[in-house]
Amino acid sequence: MRSLIVTLVFVLLIAVPGFAADSPAAKVSDLAWLTGHYEGPTGNGTLEENWAKPVGGSIASLVRATDGEKTTMIELIVVEEEEGSLVLRLQQWNPGFAPRSEGPQVMKLIELSDHKVVFEDASGGSIKKLGYSREGNKFTISIETAGGSFDIPLMTQSPH
């Protein structure tokens, strides 16, 4: 019986790949093109993304959504190198730093090319796919949820 359990555990370890094992090989330095400040209209407000340069195996962005003079959402995005690929974690907060979820949504890399990256949900979060692309001063966020897909176009902004 003990050898059967050991064999089953071994088979499960082989059959269940590592988190990023089926993701393309990548390093955060491959995302250096994300670095910058981007801004654009969304609905009645504005969305800002502020990507810091990749350092120490991570790249991060602080996102702020505003509606007039009021902040409606803050989001932190961190992309880290894991198992030879990239993993994105994001967490959102309402005003007053009230978390919108218990913990961060975790996403794995599924596509990487020149000035384009796409991540796919790996934790059961509301965002099924999240992509970023950049052409000159145009920065596009592509989002897929259970309700559909949409793009958020932003433009490069000068540092304030």
Protein backbone atom coordinates (compact mmCIF):
# COMPACT_ATOMS: atom_id res chain seq x y z
CA MET A 1 0.00 0.00 0.00
CA ARG A 2 2.79 2.43 0.89
CA SER A 3 4.53 1.86 -2.44
CA LEU A 4 1.22 2.47 -4.24
CA ILE A 5 0.85 5.85 -2.48
CA VAL A 6 4.46 6.79 -3.27
CA THR A 7 3.90 5.81 -6.91
CA LEU A 8 0.68 7.87 -7.11
CA VAL A 9 2.39 10.92 -5.62
CA PHE A 10 5.26 10.55 -8.09
CA VAL A 11 2.84 10.24 -11.04
CA LEU A 12 0.92 13.32 -9.88
CA LEU A 13 4.12 15.33 -9.59
CA ILE A 14 5.06 14.41 -13.14
CA ALA A 15 1.55 14.87 -14.54
CA VAL A 16 0.97 18.28 -12.95
CA PRO A 17 3.44 20.66 -14.56
CA GLY A 18 5.02 23.58 -12.71
CA PHE A 19 3.05 26.81 -12.71
CA ALA A 20 4.96 28.35 -15.60
CA ALA A 21 6.17 25.12 -17.23
CA ASP A 22 3.82 25.52 -20.20
CA SER A 23 4.54 29.25 -20.59
CA PRO A 24 7.04 30.71 -23.08
CA ALA A 25 10.56 31.30 -21.80
CA ALA A 26 11.01 34.96 -20.85
CA LYS A 27 12.71 37.44 -18.55
CA VAL A 28 11.35 40.74 -17.22
CA SER A 29 13.97 42.54 -19.30
CA ASP A 30 11.89 41.40 -22.32
CA LEU A 31 9.22 43.82 -21.04
CA ALA A 32 11.43 46.92 -20.82
CA TRP A 33 9.29 48.47 -23.59
CA LEU A 34 6.43 48.75 -21.03
CA THR A 35 8.37 51.35 -19.03
CA GLY A 36 6.65 54.73 -19.04
CA HIS A 37 3.60 56.77 -18.07
CA TYR A 38 0.41 56.23 -20.08
CA GLU A 39 -2.96 57.95 -19.81
CA GLY A 40 -6.30 57.99 -21.57
CA PRO A 41 -10.05 58.47 -21.22
CA THR A 42 -12.27 55.62 -19.98
CA GLY A 43 -16.00 56.20 -19.70
CA ASN A 44 -16.40 59.40 -17.70
CA GLY A 45 -12.89 59.31 -16.29
CA THR A 46 -9.21 58.74 -16.91
CA LEU A 47 -6.95 55.71 -16.56
CA GLU A 48 -3.23 56.07 -15.82
CA GLU A 49 -0.60 53.31 -15.95
CA ASN A 50 2.88 53.99 -14.61
CA TRP A 51 5.34 51.19 -15.44
CA ALA A 52 8.69 51.25 -13.63
CA LYS A 53 11.73 49.82 -15.41
CA PRO A 54 12.54 46.13 -14.89
CA VAL A 55 14.96 45.57 -12.00
CA GLY A 56 15.82 42.56 -9.82
CA GLY A 57 13.64 40.06 -11.66
CA SER A 58 10.47 42.16 -11.57
CA ILE A 59 8.66 44.96 -13.36
CA ALA A 60 5.73 46.78 -11.76
CA SER A 61 2.96 49.24 -12.53
CA LEU A 62 0.81 51.50 -10.40
CA VAL A 63 -2.58 52.08 -12.05
CA ARG A 64 -5.09 54.77 -11.08
CA ALA A 65 -8.62 55.30 -12.37
CA THR A 66 -10.23 58.67 -11.71
CA ASP A 67 -13.61 60.21 -12.42
CA GLY A 68 -13.34 63.96 -12.29
CA GLU A 69 -11.70 64.85 -8.99
CA LYS A 70 -12.31 61.42 -7.42
CA THR A 71 -10.10 58.32 -7.49
CA THR A 72 -12.27 55.29 -8.24
CA MET A 73 -9.66 52.50 -8.26
CA ILE A 74 -6.01 51.82 -7.53
CA GLU A 75 -4.27 48.73 -8.94
CA LEU A 76 -0.81 47.28 -8.43
CA ILE A 77 0.62 44.98 -11.09
CA VAL A 78 3.83 43.02 -10.54
CA VAL A 79 5.40 40.74 -13.15
CA GLU A 80 8.11 38.41 -11.85
CA GLU A 81 10.38 35.77 -13.31
CA GLU A 82 9.31 32.30 -12.18
CA GLU A 83 10.38 28.89 -13.50
CA GLY A 84 12.00 30.43 -16.60
CA SER A 85 8.92 32.43 -17.60
CA LEU A 86 6.82 35.34 -16.30
CA VAL A 87 3.96 35.47 -13.80
CA LEU A 88 1.73 38.55 -13.41
CA ARG A 89 -0.05 39.35 -10.16
CA LEU A 90 -2.53 42.18 -9.85
CA GLN A 91 -4.56 43.54 -6.97
CA GLN A 92 -7.17 46.31 -7.04
CA TRP A 93 -8.46 48.62 -4.31
CA ASN A 94 -11.45 50.92 -4.03
CA PRO A 95 -11.15 54.37 -2.40
CA GLY A 96 -9.99 54.15 1.21
CA PHE A 97 -7.64 51.31 0.20
CA ALA A 98 -10.49 48.78 0.50
CA PRO A 99 -9.43 45.65 -1.41
CA ARG A 100 -11.73 44.52 -4.24
CA SER A 101 -10.69 40.87 -3.71
CA GLU A 102 -9.15 38.75 -0.96
CA GLY A 103 -5.84 38.44 -2.73
CA PRO A 104 -4.12 39.09 -6.03
CA GLN A 105 -5.19 37.56 -9.31
CA VAL A 106 -2.39 35.38 -10.72
CA MET A 107 -1.80 35.12 -14.45
CA LYS A 108 0.72 33.15 -16.53
CA LEU A 109 2.47 34.29 -19.69
CA ILE A 110 0.99 32.83 -22.88
CA GLU A 111 2.36 35.13 -25.59
CA LEU A 112 5.38 37.39 -25.97
CA SER A 113 6.58 39.21 -29.06
CA ASP A 114 8.06 42.58 -29.94
CA HIS A 115 6.04 45.17 -28.00
CA LYS A 116 3.22 42.74 -27.15
CA VAL A 117 2.60 40.51 -24.14
CA VAL A 118 -0.43 38.44 -23.12
CA PHE A 119 -1.19 36.73 -19.80
CA GLU A 120 -3.92 34.20 -19.00
CA ASP A 121 -5.74 33.67 -15.71
CA ALA A 122 -4.29 30.93 -13.50
CA SER A 123 -6.23 31.61 -10.29
CA GLY A 124 -9.92 31.81 -11.16
CA GLY A 125 -9.99 35.60 -11.32
CA SER A 126 -12.42 37.77 -13.26
CA ILE A 127 -9.91 38.72 -15.98
CA LYS A 128 -9.45 35.73 -18.32
CA LYS A 129 -6.74 37.31 -20.50
CA LEU A 130 -4.77 40.52 -20.10
CA GLY A 131 -2.54 41.91 -22.81
CA TYR A 132 -0.41 44.96 -23.41
CA SER A 133 0.94 46.30 -26.69
CA ARG A 134 2.76 49.43 -27.73
CA GLU A 135 3.13 51.12 -31.11
CA GLY A 136 5.01 54.40 -30.90
CA ASN A 137 3.10 56.59 -28.41
CA LYS A 138 0.00 54.35 -28.47
CA PHE A 139 -0.24 51.91 -25.54
CA THR A 140 -3.14 49.43 -25.60
CA ILE A 141 -4.50 47.30 -22.77
CA SER A 142 -6.51 44.31 -24.05
CA ILE A 143 -8.85 42.64 -21.56
CA GLU A 144 -10.97 39.51 -21.87
CA THR A 145 -13.56 38.63 -19.22
CA ALA A 146 -16.45 36.16 -19.15
CA GLY A 147 -18.60 39.05 -20.45
CA GLY A 148 -16.46 39.80 -23.52
CA SER A 149 -13.30 41.49 -24.75
CA PHE A 150 -12.34 45.14 -25.02
CA ASP A 151 -9.32 47.40 -25.52
CA ILE A 152 -8.33 50.46 -23.55
CA PRO A 153 -6.19 52.81 -25.68
CA LEU A 154 -3.78 55.04 -23.77
CA MET A 155 -1.12 57.50 -24.93
CA THR A 156 2.44 58.07 -23.72
CA GLN A 157 2.63 61.04 -21.34
CA SER A 158 5.62 63.11 -20.28
CA PRO A 159 6.72 62.64 -16.67
CA HIS A 160 5.18 65.28 -14.40
